[in-house]
Structures are given as C-alpha cells and as structure tokens.
Amino acid sequence: MEFSLSTEYIELCKLLKAANVVMSGGEGKDVVAQGMVTVDDELETRKRCKIRAGQVVEFEGNIITVVQG
C-alpha cells in the first residue's frame, strides 16, 4: 500500500496507526519495541524513528511505501 506524506516526515508508530495496520498508537509503539517492524529491510526498534518519502515499512506482511503527497 502507498502512504501519502504531507509533511517532511512521520514517526514510525504514528505511520502504523495512520496506515491502519495497528488499532492504536499504543499498539504501534508495542510492535515496534518488540522488533516486529522493518524499515528499508532493516529491523527498527525506535518508536519515534522519522519515516520520510521513499522509505518502505513492513509489518506482518503489510508493506507500506511512503510517498510525498
């Protein structure tokens, strides 16, 4: 799926919620902290990691391609 970014960046946990792959921001923080999310094929455990256009986030088979909106 593509996520259109209207700002310079979005925090990883907020992206997961905005893309509807988790039910809440708290759940987003938990799955990142548990090492269940990759950014550009690298494990990411920083909840507030800044995701910018051009990056690809994956969680439980959901692939989110971030594009500039």
PDB file of N, CA and C in Angstrom:
ATOM      1  N   MET A   1       0.843  -1.172   0.000  1.00  0.00           N
ATOM      2  CA  MET A   1       0.000   0.000   0.000  1.00  0.00           C
ATOM      3  C   MET A   1       0.889   1.235   0.000  1.00  0.00           C
ATOM      4  N   GLU A   2       0.385   2.305  -0.516  1.00  0.00           N
ATOM      5  CA  GLU A   2       1.112   3.570  -0.507  1.00  0.00           C
ATOM      6  C   GLU A   2       0.535   4.475   0.568  1.00  0.00           C
ATOM      7  N   PHE A   3       1.421   5.183   1.252  1.00  0.00           N
ATOM      8  CA  PHE A   3       1.003   6.171   2.232  1.00  0.00           C
ATOM      9  C   PHE A   3       1.522   7.514   1.755  1.00  0.00           C
ATOM     10  N   SER A   4       0.618   8.449   1.554  1.00  0.00           N
ATOM     11  CA  SER A   4       0.984   9.773   1.061  1.00  0.00           C
ATOM     12  C   SER A   4       1.349  10.680   2.231  1.00  0.00           C
ATOM     13  N   LEU A   5       2.563  11.182   2.215  1.00  0.00           N
ATOM     14  CA  LEU A   5       3.096  12.009   3.294  1.00  0.00           C
ATOM     15  C   LEU A   5       2.912  13.476   2.945  1.00  0.00           C
ATOM     16  N   SER A   6       2.271  14.219   3.832  1.00  0.00           N
ATOM     17  CA  SER A   6       2.019  15.643   3.560  1.00  0.00           C
ATOM     18  C   SER A   6       3.001  16.550   4.297  1.00  0.00           C
ATOM     19  N   THR A   7       3.846  15.960   5.144  1.00  0.00           N
ATOM     20  CA  THR A   7       4.859  16.716   5.881  1.00  0.00           C
ATOM     21  C   THR A   7       6.234  16.139   5.548  1.00  0.00           C
ATOM     22  N   GLU A   8       7.279  16.658   6.171  1.00  0.00           N
ATOM     23  CA  GLU A   8       8.635  16.178   5.893  1.00  0.00           C
ATOM     24  C   GLU A   8       8.816  14.724   6.316  1.00  0.00           C
ATOM     25  N   TYR A   9       8.201  14.359   7.469  1.00  0.00           N
ATOM     26  CA  TYR A   9       8.338  13.002   7.984  1.00  0.00           C
ATOM     27  C   TYR A   9       7.143  12.662   8.870  1.00  0.00           C
ATOM     28  N   ILE A  10       7.043  11.364   9.218  1.00  0.00           N
ATOM     29  CA  ILE A  10       6.057  10.896  10.189  1.00  0.00           C
ATOM     30  C   ILE A  10       6.763   9.896  11.095  1.00  0.00           C
ATOM     31  N   GLU A  11       6.444   9.927  12.379  1.00  0.00           N
ATOM     32  CA  GLU A  11       7.050   8.976  13.306  1.00  0.00           C
ATOM     33  C   GLU A  11       6.521   7.575  12.992  1.00  0.00           C
ATOM     34  N   LEU A  12       7.389   6.583  13.134  1.00  0.00           N
ATOM     35  CA  LEU A  12       7.058   5.212  12.766  1.00  0.00           C
ATOM     36  C   LEU A  12       5.777   4.714  13.429  1.00  0.00           C
ATOM     37  N   CYS A  13       5.629   4.888  14.733  1.00  0.00           N
ATOM     38  CA  CYS A  13       4.432   4.379  15.419  1.00  0.00           C
ATOM     39  C   CYS A  13       3.168   5.079  14.912  1.00  0.00           C
ATOM     40  N   LYS A  14       3.285   6.354  14.560  1.00  0.00           N
ATOM     41  CA  LYS A  14       2.136   7.086  14.026  1.00  0.00           C
ATOM     42  C   LYS A  14       1.798   6.626  12.615  1.00  0.00           C
ATOM     43  N   LEU A  15       2.809   6.281  11.840  1.00  0.00           N
ATOM     44  CA  LEU A  15       2.577   5.765  10.486  1.00  0.00           C
ATOM     45  C   LEU A  15       1.789   4.458  10.532  1.00  0.00           C
ATOM     46  N   LEU A  16       2.165   3.567  11.431  1.00  0.00           N
ATOM     47  CA  LEU A  16       1.458   2.279  11.542  1.00  0.00           C
ATOM     48  C   LEU A  16      -0.022   2.493  11.841  1.00  0.00           C
ATOM     49  N   LYS A  17      -0.315   3.444  12.714  1.00  0.00           N
ATOM     50  CA  LYS A  17      -1.719   3.751  13.044  1.00  0.00           C
ATOM     51  C   LYS A  17      -2.415   4.406  11.859  1.00  0.00           C
ATOM     52  N   ALA A  18      -1.763   5.385  11.226  1.00  0.00           N
ATOM     53  CA  ALA A  18      -2.372   6.107  10.103  1.00  0.00           C
ATOM     54  C   ALA A  18      -2.626   5.186   8.912  1.00  0.00           C
ATOM     55  N   ALA A  19      -1.803   4.162   8.754  1.00  0.00           N
ATOM     56  CA  ALA A  19      -1.967   3.217   7.645  1.00  0.00           C
ATOM     57  C   ALA A  19      -2.929   2.082   8.012  1.00  0.00           C
ATOM     58  N   ASN A  20      -3.488   2.145   9.211  1.00  0.00           N
ATOM     59  CA  ASN A  20      -4.469   1.156   9.685  1.00  0.00           C
ATOM     60  C   ASN A  20      -3.934  -0.273   9.756  1.00  0.00           C
ATOM     61  N   VAL A  21      -2.651  -0.427  10.099  1.00  0.00           N
ATOM     62  CA  VAL A  21      -2.124  -1.781  10.300  1.00  0.00           C
ATOM     63  C   VAL A  21      -2.078  -2.144  11.780  1.00  0.00           C
ATOM     64  N   VAL A  22      -2.283  -1.143  12.658  1.00  0.00           N
ATOM     65  CA  VAL A  22      -2.487  -1.380  14.089  1.00  0.00           C
ATOM     66  C   VAL A  22      -3.721  -0.598  14.507  1.00  0.00           C
ATOM     67  N   MET A  23      -4.317  -0.970  15.629  1.00  0.00           N
ATOM     68  CA  MET A  23      -5.562  -0.347  16.064  1.00  0.00           C
ATOM     69  C   MET A  23      -5.357   0.959  16.834  1.00  0.00           C
ATOM     70  N   SER A  24      -4.161   1.116  17.444  1.00  0.00           N
ATOM     71  CA  SER A  24      -3.931   2.318  18.251  1.00  0.00           C
ATOM     72  C   SER A  24      -2.462   2.697  18.216  1.00  0.00           C
ATOM     73  N   GLY A  25      -2.179   3.922  18.632  1.00  0.00           N
ATOM     74  CA  GLY A  25      -0.797   4.368  18.723  1.00  0.00           C
ATOM     75  C   GLY A  25      -0.008   3.550  19.732  1.00  0.00           C
ATOM     76  N   GLY A  26      -0.672   3.163  20.815  1.00  0.00           N
ATOM     77  CA  GLY A  26      -0.022   2.321  21.820  1.00  0.00           C
ATOM     78  C   GLY A  26       0.385   0.975  21.261  1.00  0.00           C
ATOM     79  N   GLU A  27      -0.485   0.387  20.455  1.00  0.00           N
ATOM     80  CA  GLU A  27      -0.157  -0.888  19.820  1.00  0.00           C
ATOM     81  C   GLU A  27       1.009  -0.692  18.850  1.00  0.00           C
ATOM     82  N   GLY A  28       1.017   0.436  18.150  1.00  0.00           N
ATOM     83  CA  GLY A  28       2.120   0.742  17.238  1.00  0.00           C
ATOM     84  C   GLY A  28       3.451   0.791  17.981  1.00  0.00           C
ATOM     85  N   LYS A  29       3.466   1.454  19.127  1.00  0.00           N
ATOM     86  CA  LYS A  29       4.681   1.531  19.935  1.00  0.00           C
ATOM     87  C   LYS A  29       5.122   0.151  20.393  1.00  0.00           C
ATOM     88  N   ASP A  30       4.160  -0.677  20.804  1.00  0.00           N
ATOM     89  CA  ASP A  30       4.471  -2.025  21.291  1.00  0.00           C
ATOM     90  C   ASP A  30       5.095  -2.893  20.202  1.00  0.00           C
ATOM     91  N   VAL A  31       4.510  -2.905  19.000  1.00  0.00           N
ATOM     92  CA  VAL A  31       5.034  -3.791  17.955  1.00  0.00           C
ATOM     93  C   VAL A  31       6.418  -3.336  17.489  1.00  0.00           C
ATOM     94  N   VAL A  32       6.665  -2.022  17.511  1.00  0.00           N
ATOM     95  CA  VAL A  32       7.997  -1.526  17.155  1.00  0.00           C
ATOM     96  C   VAL A  32       8.999  -1.952  18.228  1.00  0.00           C
ATOM     97  N   ALA A  33       8.646  -1.760  19.498  1.00  0.00           N
ATOM     98  CA  ALA A  33       9.534  -2.116  20.605  1.00  0.00           C
ATOM     99  C   ALA A  33       9.836  -3.615  20.634  1.00  0.00           C
ATOM    100  N   GLN A  34       8.889  -4.429  20.186  1.00  0.00           N
ATOM    101  CA  GLN A  34       9.067  -5.881  20.169  1.00  0.00           C
ATOM    102  C   GLN A  34       9.871  -6.365  18.972  1.00  0.00           C
ATOM    103  N   GLY A  35      10.295  -5.452  18.110  1.00  0.00           N
ATOM    104  CA  GLY A  35      11.114  -5.839  16.960  1.00  0.00           C
ATOM    105  C   GLY A  35      10.325  -6.498  15.845  1.00  0.00           C
ATOM    106  N   MET A  36       9.090  -6.080  15.655  1.00  0.00           N
ATOM    107  CA  MET A  36       8.230  -6.691  14.633  1.00  0.00           C
ATOM    108  C   MET A  36       8.128  -5.855  13.362  1.00  0.00           C
ATOM    109  N   VAL A  37       8.884  -4.745  13.278  1.00  0.00           N
ATOM    110  CA  VAL A  37       8.760  -3.821  12.154  1.00  0.00           C
ATOM    111  C   VAL A  37      10.118  -3.622  11.500  1.00  0.00           C
ATOM    112  N   THR A  38      10.124  -3.595  10.161  1.00  0.00           N
ATOM    113  CA  THR A  38      11.354  -3.269   9.441  1.00  0.00           C
ATOM    114  C   THR A  38      11.139  -1.996   8.633  1.00  0.00           C
ATOM    115  N   VAL A  39      12.226  -1.256   8.479  1.00  0.00           N
ATOM    116  CA  VAL A  39      12.245  -0.057   7.647  1.00  0.00           C
ATOM    117  C   VAL A  39      13.374  -0.257   6.648  1.00  0.00           C
ATOM    118  N   ASP A  40      13.031  -0.227   5.366  1.00  0.00           N
ATOM    119  CA  ASP A  40      14.027  -0.468   4.306  1.00  0.00           C
ATOM    120  C   ASP A  40      14.787  -1.771   4.559  1.00  0.00           C
ATOM    121  N   ASP A  41      14.049  -2.821   4.911  1.00  0.00           N
ATOM    122  CA  ASP A  41      14.573  -4.173   5.153  1.00  0.00           C
ATOM    123  C   ASP A  41      15.519  -4.286   6.347  1.00  0.00           C
ATOM    124  N   GLU A  42      15.514  -3.289   7.236  1.00  0.00           N
ATOM    125  CA  GLU A  42      16.326  -3.332   8.455  1.00  0.00           C
ATOM    126  C   GLU A  42      15.390  -3.277   9.664  1.00  0.00           C
ATOM    127  N   LEU A  43      15.654  -4.112  10.664  1.00  0.00           N
ATOM    128  CA  LEU A  43      14.863  -4.105  11.887  1.00  0.00           C
ATOM    129  C   LEU A  43      14.929  -2.724  12.532  1.00  0.00           C
ATOM    130  N   GLU A  44      13.780  -2.196  12.929  1.00  0.00           N
ATOM    131  CA  GLU A  44      13.719  -0.870  13.558  1.00  0.00           C
ATOM    132  C   GLU A  44      13.010  -0.973  14.894  1.00  0.00           C
ATOM    133  N   THR A  45      13.670  -0.554  15.962  1.00  0.00           N
ATOM    134  CA  THR A  45      13.065  -0.611  17.292  1.00  0.00           C
ATOM    135  C   THR A  45      12.857   0.773  17.900  1.00  0.00           C
ATOM    136  N   ARG A  46      13.171   1.824  17.156  1.00  0.00           N
ATOM    137  CA  ARG A  46      12.924   3.184  17.657  1.00  0.00           C
ATOM    138  C   ARG A  46      11.494   3.588  17.295  1.00  0.00           C
ATOM    139  N   LYS A  47      10.658   3.774  18.310  1.00  0.00           N
ATOM    140  CA  LYS A  47       9.247   4.088  18.084  1.00  0.00           C
ATOM    141  C   LYS A  47       9.049   5.408  17.351  1.00  0.00           C
ATOM    142  N   ARG A  48       9.910   6.355  17.610  1.00  0.00           N
ATOM    143  CA  ARG A  48       9.771   7.682  17.018  1.00  0.00           C
ATOM    144  C   ARG A  48      10.701   7.897  15.834  1.00  0.00           C
ATOM    145  N   CYS A  49      11.159   6.806  15.256  1.00  0.00           N
ATOM    146  CA  CYS A  49      12.009   6.887  14.066  1.00  0.00           C
ATOM    147  C   CYS A  49      11.286   7.721  13.002  1.00  0.00           C
ATOM    148  N   LYS A  50      11.998   8.662  12.401  1.00  0.00           N
ATOM    149  CA  LYS A  50      11.383   9.539  11.397  1.00  0.00           C
ATOM    150  C   LYS A  50      11.367   8.838  10.040  1.00  0.00           C
ATOM    151  N   ILE A  51      10.165   8.619   9.530  1.00  0.00           N
ATOM    152  CA  ILE A  51       9.979   7.973   8.233  1.00  0.00           C
ATOM    153  C   ILE A  51       9.715   9.058   7.194  1.00  0.00           C
ATOM    154  N   ARG A  52      10.498   9.021   6.119  1.00  0.00           N
ATOM    155  CA  ARG A  52      10.387  10.030   5.070  1.00  0.00           C
ATOM    156  C   ARG A  52       9.970   9.384   3.752  1.00  0.00           C
ATOM    157  N   ALA A  53       9.563  10.231   2.813  1.00  0.00           N
ATOM    158  CA  ALA A  53       9.172   9.744   1.482  1.00  0.00           C
ATOM    159  C   ALA A  53      10.316   8.918   0.892  1.00  0.00           C
ATOM    160  N   GLY A  54       9.951   7.821   0.247  1.00  0.00           N
ATOM    161  CA  GLY A  54      10.930   6.938  -0.371  1.00  0.00           C
ATOM    162  C   GLY A  54      11.264   5.729   0.477  1.00  0.00           C
ATOM    163  N   GLN A  55      10.851   5.740   1.740  1.00  0.00           N
ATOM    164  CA  GLN A  55      11.139   4.604   2.609  1.00  0.00           C
ATOM    165  C   GLN A  55      10.014   3.577   2.544  1.00  0.00           C
ATOM    166  N   VAL A  56      10.367   2.329   2.870  1.00  0.00           N
ATOM    167  CA  VAL A  56       9.410   1.224   2.853  1.00  0.00           C
ATOM    168  C   VAL A  56       9.379   0.593   4.242  1.00  0.00           C
ATOM    169  N   VAL A  57       8.176   0.483   4.805  1.00  0.00           N
ATOM    170  CA  VAL A  57       7.975  -0.083   6.141  1.00  0.00           C
ATOM    171  C   VAL A  57       7.193  -1.379   5.986  1.00  0.00           C
ATOM    172  N   GLU A  58       7.607  -2.409   6.730  1.00  0.00           N
ATOM    173  CA  GLU A  58       6.893  -3.684   6.671  1.00  0.00           C
ATOM    174  C   GLU A  58       6.548  -4.156   8.075  1.00  0.00           C
ATOM    175  N   PHE A  59       5.303  -4.622   8.228  1.00  0.00           N
ATOM    176  CA  PHE A  59       4.822  -5.172   9.492  1.00  0.00           C
ATOM    177  C   PHE A  59       3.802  -6.253   9.186  1.00  0.00           C
ATOM    178  N   GLU A  60       4.076  -7.468   9.631  1.00  0.00           N
ATOM    179  CA  GLU A  60       3.168  -8.616   9.461  1.00  0.00           C
ATOM    180  C   GLU A  60       2.656  -8.751   8.029  1.00  0.00           C
ATOM    181  N   GLY A  61       3.544  -8.664   7.071  1.00  0.00           N
ATOM    182  CA  GLY A  61       3.154  -8.823   5.667  1.00  0.00           C
ATOM    183  C   GLY A  61       2.568  -7.584   5.021  1.00  0.00           C
ATOM    184  N   ASN A  62       2.326  -6.549   5.812  1.00  0.00           N
ATOM    185  CA  ASN A  62       1.841  -5.273   5.265  1.00  0.00           C
ATOM    186  C   ASN A  62       3.049  -4.456   4.849  1.00  0.00           C
ATOM    187  N   ILE A  63       3.119  -4.100   3.583  1.00  0.00           N
ATOM    188  CA  ILE A  63       4.218  -3.290   3.076  1.00  0.00           C
ATOM    189  C   ILE A  63       3.677  -1.894   2.783  1.00  0.00           C
ATOM    190  N   ILE A  64       4.267  -0.912   3.452  1.00  0.00           N
ATOM    191  CA  ILE A  64       3.834   0.481   3.304  1.00  0.00           C
ATOM    192  C   ILE A  64       4.950   1.244   2.601  1.00  0.00           C
ATOM    193  N   THR A  65       4.651   1.728   1.410  1.00  0.00           N
ATOM    194  CA  THR A  65       5.597   2.552   0.661  1.00  0.00           C
ATOM    195  C   THR A  65       5.215   3.993   0.901  1.00  0.00           C
ATOM    196  N   VAL A  66       6.131   4.778   1.430  1.00  0.00           N
ATOM    197  CA  VAL A  66       5.839   6.160   1.773  1.00  0.00           C
ATOM    198  C   VAL A  66       6.214   7.051   0.584  1.00  0.00           C
ATOM    199  N   VAL A  67       5.241   7.833   0.138  1.00  0.00           N
ATOM    200  CA  VAL A  67       5.453   8.735  -0.997  1.00  0.00           C
ATOM    201  C   VAL A  67       5.123  10.157  -0.565  1.00  0.00           C
ATOM    202  N   GLN A  68       5.743  11.116  -1.243  1.00  0.00           N
ATOM    203  CA  GLN A  68       5.440  12.516  -0.931  1.00  0.00           C
ATOM    204  C   GLN A  68       4.084  12.869  -1.511  1.00  0.00           C
ATOM    205  N   GLY A  69       3.222  13.483  -0.700  1.00  0.00           N
ATOM    206  CA  GLY A  69       1.878  13.783  -1.139  1.00  0.00           C
ATOM    207  C   GLY A  69       1.698  15.178  -1.662  1.00  0.00           C
TER     208      GLY A  69
END
